[in-house]
Amino acid sequence: MYKVSPAQTYFIAVYESRNHAMQMYHYFKSTHPNKYLLISTPCRIKSGCSYSIKFNEQDDLKLLLDESANLKKNISGIYLVEKINGRNSYKKVAIT
């Protein structure tokens, strides 16, 4: 279990395609407003014009994984983002 501080730490889900991320964001926007945000994927994780979904609570991870699987939207990675000394640090989270 990861310890999450709302101001300095959050999670991002990186999808295999930009379209998958956008489709999942619109799905979550209608079913779970204010839990998930669409953001540009950090270049240190994936180059190109990609989008990811940002969320703050680890409890929201299970919902995201379940709904993505149900809608057949493949996730290429989940990352824990922590601000350390003013810079973002990215740690890949194991998906089980």
PDB file of N, CA and C in Angstrom:
ATOM      1  N   MET A   1       0.846  -1.178   0.000  1.00  0.00           N
ATOM      2  CA  MET A   1       0.000   0.000   0.000  1.00  0.00           C
ATOM      3  C   MET A   1       0.889   1.237   0.000  1.00  0.00           C
ATOM      4  N   TYR A   2       0.568   2.185  -0.856  1.00  0.00           N
ATOM      5  CA  TYR A   2       1.325   3.419  -0.949  1.00  0.00           C
ATOM      6  C   TYR A   2       0.685   4.481  -0.071  1.00  0.00           C
ATOM      7  N   LYS A   3       1.520   5.243   0.621  1.00  0.00           N
ATOM      8  CA  LYS A   3       1.030   6.357   1.419  1.00  0.00           C
ATOM      9  C   LYS A   3       0.873   7.558   0.490  1.00  0.00           C
ATOM     10  N   VAL A   4      -0.312   8.135   0.472  1.00  0.00           N
ATOM     11  CA  VAL A   4      -0.608   9.195  -0.482  1.00  0.00           C
ATOM     12  C   VAL A   4      -0.911  10.488   0.254  1.00  0.00           C
ATOM     13  N   SER A   5      -0.166  11.537  -0.075  1.00  0.00           N
ATOM     14  CA  SER A   5      -0.424  12.882   0.423  1.00  0.00           C
ATOM     15  C   SER A   5      -1.069  13.676  -0.708  1.00  0.00           C
ATOM     16  N   PRO A   6      -2.304  14.157  -0.538  1.00  0.00           N
ATOM     17  CA  PRO A   6      -3.037  14.754  -1.649  1.00  0.00           C
ATOM     18  C   PRO A   6      -2.322  15.911  -2.349  1.00  0.00           C
ATOM     19  N   ALA A   7      -1.603  16.737  -1.614  1.00  0.00           N
ATOM     20  CA  ALA A   7      -0.989  17.912  -2.227  1.00  0.00           C
ATOM     21  C   ALA A   7       0.246  17.565  -3.056  1.00  0.00           C
ATOM     22  N   GLN A   8       0.987  16.560  -2.668  1.00  0.00           N
ATOM     23  CA  GLN A   8       2.266  16.273  -3.296  1.00  0.00           C
ATOM     24  C   GLN A   8       2.292  14.983  -4.097  1.00  0.00           C
ATOM     25  N   THR A   9       1.279  14.158  -3.977  1.00  0.00           N
ATOM     26  CA  THR A   9       1.318  12.825  -4.566  1.00  0.00           C
ATOM     27  C   THR A   9       0.003  12.513  -5.270  1.00  0.00           C
ATOM     28  N   TYR A  10       0.120  11.847  -6.402  1.00  0.00           N
ATOM     29  CA  TYR A  10      -1.062  11.398  -7.131  1.00  0.00           C
ATOM     30  C   TYR A  10      -0.669  10.232  -8.030  1.00  0.00           C
ATOM     31  N   PHE A  11      -1.649   9.658  -8.703  1.00  0.00           N
ATOM     32  CA  PHE A  11      -1.426   8.534  -9.613  1.00  0.00           C
ATOM     33  C   PHE A  11      -1.803   8.953 -11.027  1.00  0.00           C
ATOM     34  N   ILE A  12      -1.169   8.309 -12.017  1.00  0.00           N
ATOM     35  CA  ILE A  12      -1.611   8.478 -13.395  1.00  0.00           C
ATOM     36  C   ILE A  12      -1.686   7.113 -14.064  1.00  0.00           C
ATOM     37  N   ALA A  13      -2.702   6.968 -14.893  1.00  0.00           N
ATOM     38  CA  ALA A  13      -2.875   5.759 -15.702  1.00  0.00           C
ATOM     39  C   ALA A  13      -2.538   6.135 -17.138  1.00  0.00           C
ATOM     40  N   VAL A  14      -1.556   5.436 -17.701  1.00  0.00           N
ATOM     41  CA  VAL A  14      -1.130   5.682 -19.078  1.00  0.00           C
ATOM     42  C   VAL A  14      -1.752   4.600 -19.953  1.00  0.00           C
ATOM     43  N   TYR A  15      -2.507   5.025 -20.932  1.00  0.00           N
ATOM     44  CA  TYR A  15      -3.176   4.083 -21.834  1.00  0.00           C
ATOM     45  C   TYR A  15      -2.321   3.838 -23.070  1.00  0.00           C
ATOM     46  N   GLU A  16      -2.610   2.743 -23.758  1.00  0.00           N
ATOM     47  CA  GLU A  16      -1.849   2.389 -24.949  1.00  0.00           C
ATOM     48  C   GLU A  16      -2.067   3.369 -26.089  1.00  0.00           C
ATOM     49  N   SER A  17      -3.196   4.072 -26.079  1.00  0.00           N
ATOM     50  CA  SER A  17      -3.429   5.065 -27.126  1.00  0.00           C
ATOM     51  C   SER A  17      -4.066   6.314 -26.530  1.00  0.00           C
ATOM     52  N   ARG A  18      -3.854   7.401 -27.217  1.00  0.00           N
ATOM     53  CA  ARG A  18      -4.436   8.681 -26.818  1.00  0.00           C
ATOM     54  C   ARG A  18      -5.965   8.583 -26.825  1.00  0.00           C
ATOM     55  N   ASN A  19      -6.512   7.916 -27.834  1.00  0.00           N
ATOM     56  CA  ASN A  19      -7.967   7.777 -27.935  1.00  0.00           C
ATOM     57  C   ASN A  19      -8.548   6.996 -26.765  1.00  0.00           C
ATOM     58  N   HIS A  20      -7.858   5.948 -26.312  1.00  0.00           N
ATOM     59  CA  HIS A  20      -8.346   5.179 -25.164  1.00  0.00           C
ATOM     60  C   HIS A  20      -8.416   6.069 -23.924  1.00  0.00           C
ATOM     61  N   ALA A  21      -7.397   6.882 -23.704  1.00  0.00           N
ATOM     62  CA  ALA A  21      -7.390   7.777 -22.543  1.00  0.00           C
ATOM     63  C   ALA A  21      -8.544   8.771 -22.625  1.00  0.00           C
ATOM     64  N   MET A  22      -8.767   9.329 -23.804  1.00  0.00           N
ATOM     65  CA  MET A  22      -9.854  10.297 -23.972  1.00  0.00           C
ATOM     66  C   MET A  22     -11.217   9.640 -23.776  1.00  0.00           C
ATOM     67  N   GLN A  23     -11.395   8.445 -24.314  1.00  0.00           N
ATOM     68  CA  GLN A  23     -12.666   7.739 -24.157  1.00  0.00           C
ATOM     69  C   GLN A  23     -12.934   7.402 -22.690  1.00  0.00           C
ATOM     70  N   MET A  24     -11.903   6.951 -21.980  1.00  0.00           N
ATOM     71  CA  MET A  24     -12.088   6.620 -20.565  1.00  0.00           C
ATOM     72  C   MET A  24     -12.361   7.875 -19.738  1.00  0.00           C
ATOM     73  N   TYR A  25     -11.693   8.969 -20.062  1.00  0.00           N
ATOM     74  CA  TYR A  25     -11.947  10.213 -19.340  1.00  0.00           C
ATOM     75  C   TYR A  25     -13.411  10.635 -19.501  1.00  0.00           C
ATOM     76  N   HIS A  26     -13.920  10.605 -20.719  1.00  0.00           N
ATOM     77  CA  HIS A  26     -15.311  11.000 -20.946  1.00  0.00           C
ATOM     78  C   HIS A  26     -16.276  10.039 -20.249  1.00  0.00           C
ATOM     79  N   TYR A  27     -15.929   8.764 -20.218  1.00  0.00           N
ATOM     80  CA  TYR A  27     -16.753   7.794 -19.489  1.00  0.00           C
ATOM     81  C   TYR A  27     -16.775   8.141 -17.994  1.00  0.00           C
ATOM     82  N   PHE A  28     -15.591   8.363 -17.402  1.00  0.00           N
ATOM     83  CA  PHE A  28     -15.522   8.676 -15.969  1.00  0.00           C
ATOM     84  C   PHE A  28     -16.139  10.038 -15.657  1.00  0.00           C
ATOM     85  N   LYS A  29     -16.034  10.971 -16.579  1.00  0.00           N
ATOM     86  CA  LYS A  29     -16.623  12.296 -16.365  1.00  0.00           C
ATOM     87  C   LYS A  29     -18.134  12.192 -16.191  1.00  0.00           C
ATOM     88  N   SER A  30     -18.751  11.252 -16.911  1.00  0.00           N
ATOM     89  CA  SER A  30     -20.205  11.096 -16.795  1.00  0.00           C
ATOM     90  C   SER A  30     -20.617  10.183 -15.643  1.00  0.00           C
ATOM     91  N   THR A  31     -19.765   9.241 -15.262  1.00  0.00           N
ATOM     92  CA  THR A  31     -20.142   8.293 -14.212  1.00  0.00           C
ATOM     93  C   THR A  31     -19.560   8.628 -12.840  1.00  0.00           C
ATOM     94  N   HIS A  32     -18.399   9.236 -12.790  1.00  0.00           N
ATOM     95  CA  HIS A  32     -17.726   9.580 -11.528  1.00  0.00           C
ATOM     96  C   HIS A  32     -17.085  10.964 -11.656  1.00  0.00           C
ATOM     97  N   PRO A  33     -17.901  12.019 -11.746  1.00  0.00           N
ATOM     98  CA  PRO A  33     -17.332  13.354 -11.943  1.00  0.00           C
ATOM     99  C   PRO A  33     -16.411  13.751 -10.789  1.00  0.00           C
ATOM    100  N   ASN A  34     -15.379  14.488 -11.113  1.00  0.00           N
ATOM    101  CA  ASN A  34     -14.423  15.054 -10.152  1.00  0.00           C
ATOM    102  C   ASN A  34     -13.456  14.048  -9.546  1.00  0.00           C
ATOM    103  N   LYS A  35     -13.455  12.796  -9.989  1.00  0.00           N
ATOM    104  CA  LYS A  35     -12.492  11.818  -9.472  1.00  0.00           C
ATOM    105  C   LYS A  35     -11.283  11.676 -10.380  1.00  0.00           C
ATOM    106  N   TYR A  36     -11.481  11.887 -11.670  1.00  0.00           N
ATOM    107  CA  TYR A  36     -10.432  11.632 -12.651  1.00  0.00           C
ATOM    108  C   TYR A  36     -10.259  12.854 -13.550  1.00  0.00           C
ATOM    109  N   LEU A  37      -9.001  13.134 -13.918  1.00  0.00           N
ATOM    110  CA  LEU A  37      -8.691  14.246 -14.812  1.00  0.00           C
ATOM    111  C   LEU A  37      -7.910  13.734 -16.013  1.00  0.00           C
ATOM    112  N   LEU A  38      -8.091  14.369 -17.148  1.00  0.00           N
ATOM    113  CA  LEU A  38      -7.318  14.064 -18.342  1.00  0.00           C
ATOM    114  C   LEU A  38      -6.123  15.002 -18.365  1.00  0.00           C
ATOM    115  N   ILE A  39      -4.917  14.438 -18.443  1.00  0.00           N
ATOM    116  CA  ILE A  39      -3.696  15.246 -18.465  1.00  0.00           C
ATOM    117  C   ILE A  39      -2.799  14.770 -19.604  1.00  0.00           C
ATOM    118  N   SER A  40      -1.864  15.608 -19.993  1.00  0.00           N
ATOM    119  CA  SER A  40      -0.838  15.185 -20.945  1.00  0.00           C
ATOM    120  C   SER A  40       0.099  14.223 -20.233  1.00  0.00           C
ATOM    121  N   THR A  41       0.465  13.155 -20.902  1.00  0.00           N
ATOM    122  CA  THR A  41       1.393  12.194 -20.310  1.00  0.00           C
ATOM    123  C   THR A  41       2.772  12.841 -20.219  1.00  0.00           C
ATOM    124  N   PRO A  42       3.403  12.787 -19.051  1.00  0.00           N
ATOM    125  CA  PRO A  42       4.747  13.359 -18.926  1.00  0.00           C
ATOM    126  C   PRO A  42       5.722  12.710 -19.912  1.00  0.00           C
ATOM    127  N   CYS A  43       6.570  13.535 -20.518  1.00  0.00           N
ATOM    128  CA  CYS A  43       7.538  13.043 -21.510  1.00  0.00           C
ATOM    129  C   CYS A  43       8.505  12.025 -20.915  1.00  0.00           C
ATOM    130  N   ARG A  44       8.734  12.083 -19.621  1.00  0.00           N
ATOM    131  CA  ARG A  44       9.648  11.121 -18.991  1.00  0.00           C
ATOM    132  C   ARG A  44       9.044   9.726 -18.928  1.00  0.00           C
ATOM    133  N   ILE A  45       7.734   9.617 -19.131  1.00  0.00           N
ATOM    134  CA  ILE A  45       7.076   8.310 -19.132  1.00  0.00           C
ATOM    135  C   ILE A  45       6.853   7.817 -20.554  1.00  0.00           C
ATOM    136  N   LYS A  46       6.330   8.697 -21.413  1.00  0.00           N
ATOM    137  CA  LYS A  46       6.012   8.297 -22.789  1.00  0.00           C
ATOM    138  C   LYS A  46       6.121   9.521 -23.686  1.00  0.00           C
ATOM    139  N   SER A  47       6.879   9.392 -24.758  1.00  0.00           N
ATOM    140  CA  SER A  47       7.038  10.530 -25.660  1.00  0.00           C
ATOM    141  C   SER A  47       5.857  10.619 -26.617  1.00  0.00           C
ATOM    142  N   GLY A  48       5.700  11.772 -27.207  1.00  0.00           N
ATOM    143  CA  GLY A  48       4.616  11.969 -28.161  1.00  0.00           C
ATOM    144  C   GLY A  48       3.453  12.698 -27.528  1.00  0.00           C
ATOM    145  N   CYS A  49       2.405  12.816 -28.288  1.00  0.00           N
ATOM    146  CA  CYS A  49       1.201  13.537 -27.845  1.00  0.00           C
ATOM    147  C   CYS A  49       0.225  12.559 -27.218  1.00  0.00           C
ATOM    148  N   SER A  50       0.514  12.145 -26.017  1.00  0.00           N
ATOM    149  CA  SER A  50      -0.309  11.148 -25.349  1.00  0.00           C
ATOM    150  C   SER A  50      -1.029  11.784 -24.164  1.00  0.00           C
ATOM    151  N   TYR A  51      -2.168  11.203 -23.810  1.00  0.00           N
ATOM    152  CA  TYR A  51      -2.911  11.630 -22.629  1.00  0.00           C
ATOM    153  C   TYR A  51      -2.946  10.495 -21.617  1.00  0.00           C
ATOM    154  N   SER A  52      -3.083  10.887 -20.361  1.00  0.00           N
ATOM    155  CA  SER A  52      -3.227   9.940 -19.256  1.00  0.00           C
ATOM    156  C   SER A  52      -4.372  10.412 -18.375  1.00  0.00           C
ATOM    157  N   ILE A  53      -4.772   9.543 -17.470  1.00  0.00           N
ATOM    158  CA  ILE A  53      -5.805   9.902 -16.501  1.00  0.00           C
ATOM    159  C   ILE A  53      -5.157  10.014 -15.130  1.00  0.00           C
ATOM    160  N   LYS A  54      -5.396  11.158 -14.497  1.00  0.00           N
ATOM    161  CA  LYS A  54      -4.842  11.452 -13.176  1.00  0.00           C
ATOM    162  C   LYS A  54      -5.918  11.208 -12.129  1.00  0.00           C
ATOM    163  N   PHE A  55      -5.507  10.599 -11.003  1.00  0.00           N
ATOM    164  CA  PHE A  55      -6.424  10.418  -9.875  1.00  0.00           C
ATOM    165  C   PHE A  55      -5.619  10.468  -8.591  1.00  0.00           C
ATOM    166  N   ASN A  56      -6.270  10.845  -7.496  1.00  0.00           N
ATOM    167  CA  ASN A  56      -5.561  11.107  -6.244  1.00  0.00           C
ATOM    168  C   ASN A  56      -5.563   9.960  -5.255  1.00  0.00           C
ATOM    169  N   GLU A  57      -6.563   9.120  -5.294  1.00  0.00           N
ATOM    170  CA  GLU A  57      -6.720   8.086  -4.276  1.00  0.00           C
ATOM    171  C   GLU A  57      -6.396   6.707  -4.823  1.00  0.00           C
ATOM    172  N   GLN A  58      -5.666   5.931  -4.052  1.00  0.00           N
ATOM    173  CA  GLN A  58      -5.354   4.567  -4.470  1.00  0.00           C
ATOM    174  C   GLN A  58      -6.629   3.731  -4.572  1.00  0.00           C
ATOM    175  N   ASP A  59      -7.636   4.060  -3.776  1.00  0.00           N
ATOM    176  CA  ASP A  59      -8.907   3.330  -3.836  1.00  0.00           C
ATOM    177  C   ASP A  59      -9.572   3.462  -5.210  1.00  0.00           C
ATOM    178  N   ASP A  60      -9.293   4.548  -5.926  1.00  0.00           N
ATOM    179  CA  ASP A  60      -9.870   4.750  -7.258  1.00  0.00           C
ATOM    180  C   ASP A  60      -9.191   3.890  -8.322  1.00  0.00           C
ATOM    181  N   LEU A  61      -8.061   3.298  -7.992  1.00  0.00           N
ATOM    182  CA  LEU A  61      -7.328   2.464  -8.948  1.00  0.00           C
ATOM    183  C   LEU A  61      -8.132   1.237  -9.355  1.00  0.00           C
ATOM    184  N   LYS A  62      -8.759   0.556  -8.400  1.00  0.00           N
ATOM    185  CA  LYS A  62      -9.520  -0.657  -8.725  1.00  0.00           C
ATOM    186  C   LYS A  62     -10.665  -0.344  -9.682  1.00  0.00           C
ATOM    187  N   LEU A  63     -11.381   0.737  -9.416  1.00  0.00           N
ATOM    188  CA  LEU A  63     -12.468   1.139 -10.307  1.00  0.00           C
ATOM    189  C   LEU A  63     -11.930   1.419 -11.709  1.00  0.00           C
ATOM    190  N   LEU A  64     -10.830   2.141 -11.791  1.00  0.00           N
ATOM    191  CA  LEU A  64     -10.239   2.460 -13.087  1.00  0.00           C
ATOM    192  C   LEU A  64      -9.823   1.196 -13.831  1.00  0.00           C
ATOM    193  N   LEU A  65      -9.184   0.267 -13.142  1.00  0.00           N
ATOM    194  CA  LEU A  65      -8.760  -0.984 -13.778  1.00  0.00           C
ATOM    195  C   LEU A  65      -9.959  -1.808 -14.237  1.00  0.00           C
ATOM    196  N   ASP A  66     -10.968  -1.929 -13.383  1.00  0.00           N
ATOM    197  CA  ASP A  66     -12.160  -2.720 -13.726  1.00  0.00           C
ATOM    198  C   ASP A  66     -12.909  -2.129 -14.917  1.00  0.00           C
ATOM    199  N   GLU A  67     -13.141  -0.827 -14.889  1.00  0.00           N
ATOM    200  CA  GLU A  67     -13.894  -0.187 -15.970  1.00  0.00           C
ATOM    201  C   GLU A  67     -13.099  -0.189 -17.274  1.00  0.00           C
ATOM    202  N   SER A  68     -11.800  -0.005 -17.196  1.00  0.00           N
ATOM    203  CA  SER A  68     -10.968  -0.055 -18.406  1.00  0.00           C
ATOM    204  C   SER A  68     -11.015  -1.446 -19.028  1.00  0.00           C
ATOM    205  N   ALA A  69     -10.965  -2.473 -18.201  1.00  0.00           N
ATOM    206  CA  ALA A  69     -11.045  -3.851 -18.709  1.00  0.00           C
ATOM    207  C   ALA A  69     -12.420  -4.120 -19.317  1.00  0.00           C
ATOM    208  N   ASN A  70     -13.480  -3.669 -18.650  1.00  0.00           N
ATOM    209  CA  ASN A  70     -14.841  -3.870 -19.168  1.00  0.00           C
ATOM    210  C   ASN A  70     -15.039  -3.213 -20.528  1.00  0.00           C
ATOM    211  N   LEU A  71     -14.414  -2.053 -20.715  1.00  0.00           N
ATOM    212  CA  LEU A  71     -14.564  -1.310 -21.965  1.00  0.00           C
ATOM    213  C   LEU A  71     -13.445  -1.613 -22.961  1.00  0.00           C
ATOM    214  N   LYS A  72     -12.597  -2.580 -22.605  1.00  0.00           N
ATOM    215  CA  LYS A  72     -11.508  -3.037 -23.476  1.00  0.00           C
ATOM    216  C   LYS A  72     -10.551  -1.913 -23.870  1.00  0.00           C
ATOM    217  N   LYS A  73     -10.163  -1.102 -22.878  1.00  0.00           N
ATOM    218  CA  LYS A  73      -9.184  -0.033 -23.068  1.00  0.00           C
ATOM    219  C   LYS A  73      -7.923  -0.434 -22.310  1.00  0.00           C
ATOM    220  N   ASN A  74      -6.852  -0.685 -23.039  1.00  0.00           N
ATOM    221  CA  ASN A  74      -5.630  -1.224 -22.447  1.00  0.00           C
ATOM    222  C   ASN A  74      -4.782  -0.145 -21.788  1.00  0.00           C
ATOM    223  N   ILE A  75      -4.356  -0.447 -20.568  1.00  0.00           N
ATOM    224  CA  ILE A  75      -3.483   0.440 -19.807  1.00  0.00           C
ATOM    225  C   ILE A  75      -2.056  -0.070 -19.962  1.00  0.00           C
ATOM    226  N   SER A  76      -1.140   0.829 -20.330  1.00  0.00           N
ATOM    227  CA  SER A  76       0.254   0.410 -20.468  1.00  0.00           C
ATOM    228  C   SER A  76       1.024   0.568 -19.164  1.00  0.00           C
ATOM    229  N   GLY A  77       0.508   1.361 -18.225  1.00  0.00           N
ATOM    230  CA  GLY A  77       1.176   1.493 -16.936  1.00  0.00           C
ATOM    231  C   GLY A  77       0.440   2.421 -15.992  1.00  0.00           C
ATOM    232  N   ILE A  78       0.608   2.155 -14.705  1.00  0.00           N
ATOM    233  CA  ILE A  78       0.102   3.017 -13.635  1.00  0.00           C
ATOM    234  C   ILE A  78       1.330   3.546 -12.906  1.00  0.00           C
ATOM    235  N   TYR A  79       1.352   4.844 -12.635  1.00  0.00           N
ATOM    236  CA  TYR A  79       2.501   5.459 -11.988  1.00  0.00           C
ATOM    237  C   TYR A  79       2.070   6.249 -10.766  1.00  0.00           C
ATOM    238  N   LEU A  80       2.885   6.158  -9.725  1.00  0.00           N
ATOM    239  CA  LEU A  80       2.752   6.996  -8.546  1.00  0.00           C
ATOM    240  C   LEU A  80       3.665   8.192  -8.780  1.00  0.00           C
ATOM    241  N   VAL A  81       3.115   9.390  -8.700  1.00  0.00           N
ATOM    242  CA  VAL A  81       3.884  10.611  -8.937  1.00  0.00           C
ATOM    243  C   VAL A  81       4.051  11.324  -7.601  1.00  0.00           C
ATOM    244  N   GLU A  82       5.302  11.570  -7.234  1.00  0.00           N
ATOM    245  CA  GLU A  82       5.610  12.265  -5.986  1.00  0.00           C
ATOM    246  C   GLU A  82       6.497  13.457  -6.295  1.00  0.00           C
ATOM    247  N   LYS A  83       6.220  14.570  -5.669  1.00  0.00           N
ATOM    248  CA  LYS A  83       7.070  15.742  -5.825  1.00  0.00           C
ATOM    249  C   LYS A  83       8.168  15.669  -4.771  1.00  0.00           C
ATOM    250  N   ILE A  84       9.414  15.552  -5.241  1.00  0.00           N
ATOM    251  CA  ILE A  84      10.575  15.450  -4.360  1.00  0.00           C
ATOM    252  C   ILE A  84      11.549  16.546  -4.756  1.00  0.00           C
ATOM    253  N   ASN A  85      11.891  17.414  -3.804  1.00  0.00           N
ATOM    254  CA  ASN A  85      12.801  18.534  -4.053  1.00  0.00           C
ATOM    255  C   ASN A  85      12.369  19.362  -5.261  1.00  0.00           C
ATOM    256  N   GLY A  86      11.071  19.579  -5.393  1.00  0.00           N
ATOM    257  CA  GLY A  86      10.553  20.413  -6.457  1.00  0.00           C
ATOM    258  C   GLY A  86      10.411  19.742  -7.809  1.00  0.00           C
ATOM    259  N   ARG A  87      10.773  18.472  -7.920  1.00  0.00           N
ATOM    260  CA  ARG A  87      10.674  17.745  -9.193  1.00  0.00           C
ATOM    261  C   ARG A  87       9.774  16.533  -9.017  1.00  0.00           C
ATOM    262  N   ASN A  88       9.080  16.175 -10.080  1.00  0.00           N
ATOM    263  CA  ASN A  88       8.229  14.992 -10.028  1.00  0.00           C
ATOM    264  C   ASN A  88       9.056  13.731 -10.201  1.00  0.00           C
ATOM    265  N   SER A  89       8.772  12.760  -9.349  1.00  0.00           N
ATOM    266  CA  SER A  89       9.390  11.437  -9.419  1.00  0.00           C
ATOM    267  C   SER A  89       8.290  10.451  -9.790  1.00  0.00           C
ATOM    268  N   TYR A  90       8.597   9.539 -10.731  1.00  0.00           N
ATOM    269  CA  TYR A  90       7.605   8.584 -11.232  1.00  0.00           C
ATOM    270  C   TYR A  90       8.007   7.174 -10.852  1.00  0.00           C
ATOM    271  N   LYS A  91       7.110   6.473 -10.150  1.00  0.00           N
ATOM    272  CA  LYS A  91       7.347   5.079  -9.771  1.00  0.00           C
ATOM    273  C   LYS A  91       6.237   4.230 -10.366  1.00  0.00           C
ATOM    274  N   LYS A  92       6.625   3.231 -11.158  1.00  0.00           N
ATOM    275  CA  LYS A  92       5.626   2.356 -11.768  1.00  0.00           C
ATOM    276  C   LYS A  92       5.017   1.471 -10.688  1.00  0.00           C
ATOM    277  N   VAL A  93       3.697   1.368 -10.698  1.00  0.00           N
ATOM    278  CA  VAL A  93       2.950   0.573  -9.729  1.00  0.00           C
ATOM    279  C   VAL A  93       2.598  -0.754 -10.386  1.00  0.00           C
ATOM    280  N   ALA A  94       2.836  -1.839  -9.668  1.00  0.00           N
ATOM    281  CA  ALA A  94       2.494  -3.167 -10.190  1.00  0.00           C
ATOM    282  C   ALA A  94       0.979  -3.306 -10.266  1.00  0.00           C
ATOM    283  N   ILE A  95       0.497  -3.771 -11.402  1.00  0.00           N
ATOM    284  CA  ILE A  95      -0.934  -4.004 -11.595  1.00  0.00           C
ATOM    285  C   ILE A  95      -1.189  -5.491 -11.405  1.00  0.00           C
ATOM    286  N   THR A  96      -2.032  -5.815 -10.419  1.00  0.00           N
ATOM    287  CA  THR A  96      -2.334  -7.228 -10.167  1.00  0.00           C
ATOM    288  C   THR A  96      -3.783  -7.526 -10.414  1.00  0.00           C
TER     289      THR A  96
END
